[in-house]
Protein backbone atom coordinates (compact mmCIF):
# COMPACT_ATOMS: atom_id res chain seq x y z
CA MET A 1 103.90 135.09 59.07
CA ASN A 2 101.62 136.79 56.61
CA LEU A 3 99.61 133.56 56.42
CA LEU A 4 99.07 133.45 60.22
CA ARG A 5 98.22 137.22 60.23
CA GLU A 6 95.67 136.57 57.34
CA PHE A 7 94.10 133.73 59.49
CA GLU A 8 93.98 135.95 62.69
CA ILE A 9 92.24 139.04 60.73
CA LYS A 10 89.73 136.98 58.93
CA LYS A 11 86.01 137.51 59.88
CA MET A 12 82.93 136.13 58.34
CA LYS A 13 80.94 138.89 56.43
CA GLU A 14 77.03 139.02 56.98
CA SER A 15 76.50 138.14 53.40
CA GLU A 16 78.93 135.20 53.19
CA LEU A 17 78.02 131.56 53.65
CA VAL A 18 79.44 129.35 56.33
CA LYS A 19 80.68 126.95 53.66
CA GLU A 20 82.51 129.76 51.89
CA TYR A 21 83.99 131.31 55.08
CA ALA A 22 85.24 127.78 56.23
CA GLU A 23 86.90 126.95 52.78
CA GLU A 24 88.80 130.29 52.87
CA LEU A 25 90.12 129.61 56.43
CA VAL A 26 91.00 126.03 55.53
CA LYS A 27 92.80 127.15 52.33
CA ILE A 28 94.98 129.50 54.50
CA VAL A 29 95.52 126.64 56.96
CA ASP A 30 96.49 124.31 54.35
CA ARG A 31 99.15 126.76 53.01
CA VAL A 32 100.45 127.15 56.59
CA ARG A 33 100.72 123.50 57.05
CA MET A 34 102.47 123.15 53.74
CA LEU A 35 105.22 125.26 55.12
CA GLY A 36 105.67 122.63 58.00
CA LYS A 37 103.90 124.49 60.69
CA LYS A 38 101.51 122.70 62.99
CA PHE A 39 97.99 123.88 63.02
CA SER A 40 95.33 122.07 64.74
CA ASP A 41 91.60 121.77 63.58
CA LYS A 42 90.61 122.92 67.11
CA LYS A 43 92.24 126.38 66.40
CA ILE A 44 89.93 126.57 63.28
CA VAL A 45 86.92 125.67 65.31
CA GLU A 46 87.80 128.36 67.89
CA LYS A 47 88.38 130.91 65.16
CA ILE A 48 84.95 130.11 63.51
CA LEU A 49 83.14 130.25 66.80
CA VAL A 50 84.44 133.71 67.63
CA THR A 51 84.08 135.31 64.26
CA LEU A 52 80.63 134.20 63.17
CA PRO A 53 78.00 136.86 62.80
CA GLU A 54 75.59 137.51 65.60
CA LYS A 55 72.74 135.66 63.87
CA PHE A 56 74.54 132.53 64.86
CA GLU A 57 74.72 133.12 68.49
CA PRO A 58 71.54 130.93 69.19
CA THR A 59 72.95 128.04 67.45
CA ILE A 60 76.50 128.47 69.30
CA SER A 61 74.62 128.62 72.61
CA SER A 62 72.86 125.48 71.96
CA LEU A 63 76.06 123.75 70.94
CA LYS A 64 77.66 125.04 74.24
CA ASN A 65 74.78 123.75 76.10
CA THR A 66 74.79 120.22 74.47
CA LYS A 67 78.39 119.58 73.75
CA ASP A 68 81.78 120.12 74.92
CA LEU A 69 83.13 122.57 72.41
CA SER A 70 86.65 121.85 73.09
CA SER A 71 86.16 118.33 71.53
CA THR A 72 83.78 119.39 68.73
CA THR A 73 85.37 118.56 65.38
CA LEU A 74 85.45 120.93 62.35
CA GLU A 75 83.03 118.78 60.58
CA GLU A 76 80.50 118.61 63.43
CA LEU A 77 80.64 122.63 63.80
CA LEU A 78 80.19 123.27 60.07
CA THR A 79 77.37 120.73 59.87
CA SER A 80 75.51 122.61 62.77
CA MET A 81 76.29 126.15 61.40
CA GLN A 82 75.17 125.15 57.92
CA ASP A 83 71.96 123.55 59.21
CA SER A 84 71.31 126.85 61.10
CA GLU A 85 72.04 128.84 58.03
CA ASN A 86 69.71 126.60 55.87
CA GLU A 87 66.84 127.20 58.43
CA GLN A 88 67.38 130.96 58.46
CA LEU A 89 67.37 131.03 54.69
CA MET A 90 64.34 128.98 54.35
CA ARG A 91 62.50 131.24 57.02
CA HIS A 92 63.48 134.19 54.97
CA GLU A 93 62.19 132.74 51.66
CA ASN A 94 58.88 132.10 53.15
CA PHE A 95 58.59 135.41 54.73
CA VAL A 96 59.36 136.97 51.38
CA GLU A 97 56.73 135.01 49.59
């Protein structure tokens, strides 16, 4: 029960990378699965979509317009989010220079 609660209250911090956040969620889910409970990747995808910071809204909207998010895999979602994150980081670096 504590693991499920931990999963439910987990949110991505502004300063956190998508990869770090996803890894934390997957670690929690792996522990839940080791206890014999079913836990779908779809639930992880949904969790990520609703807990990403606002800066990812354009990417999420784009995904909604081009894909059926109910059939999007965790890998596809993470690739899209990491690509968006990398673009944002590159823009920020260029702006700082």
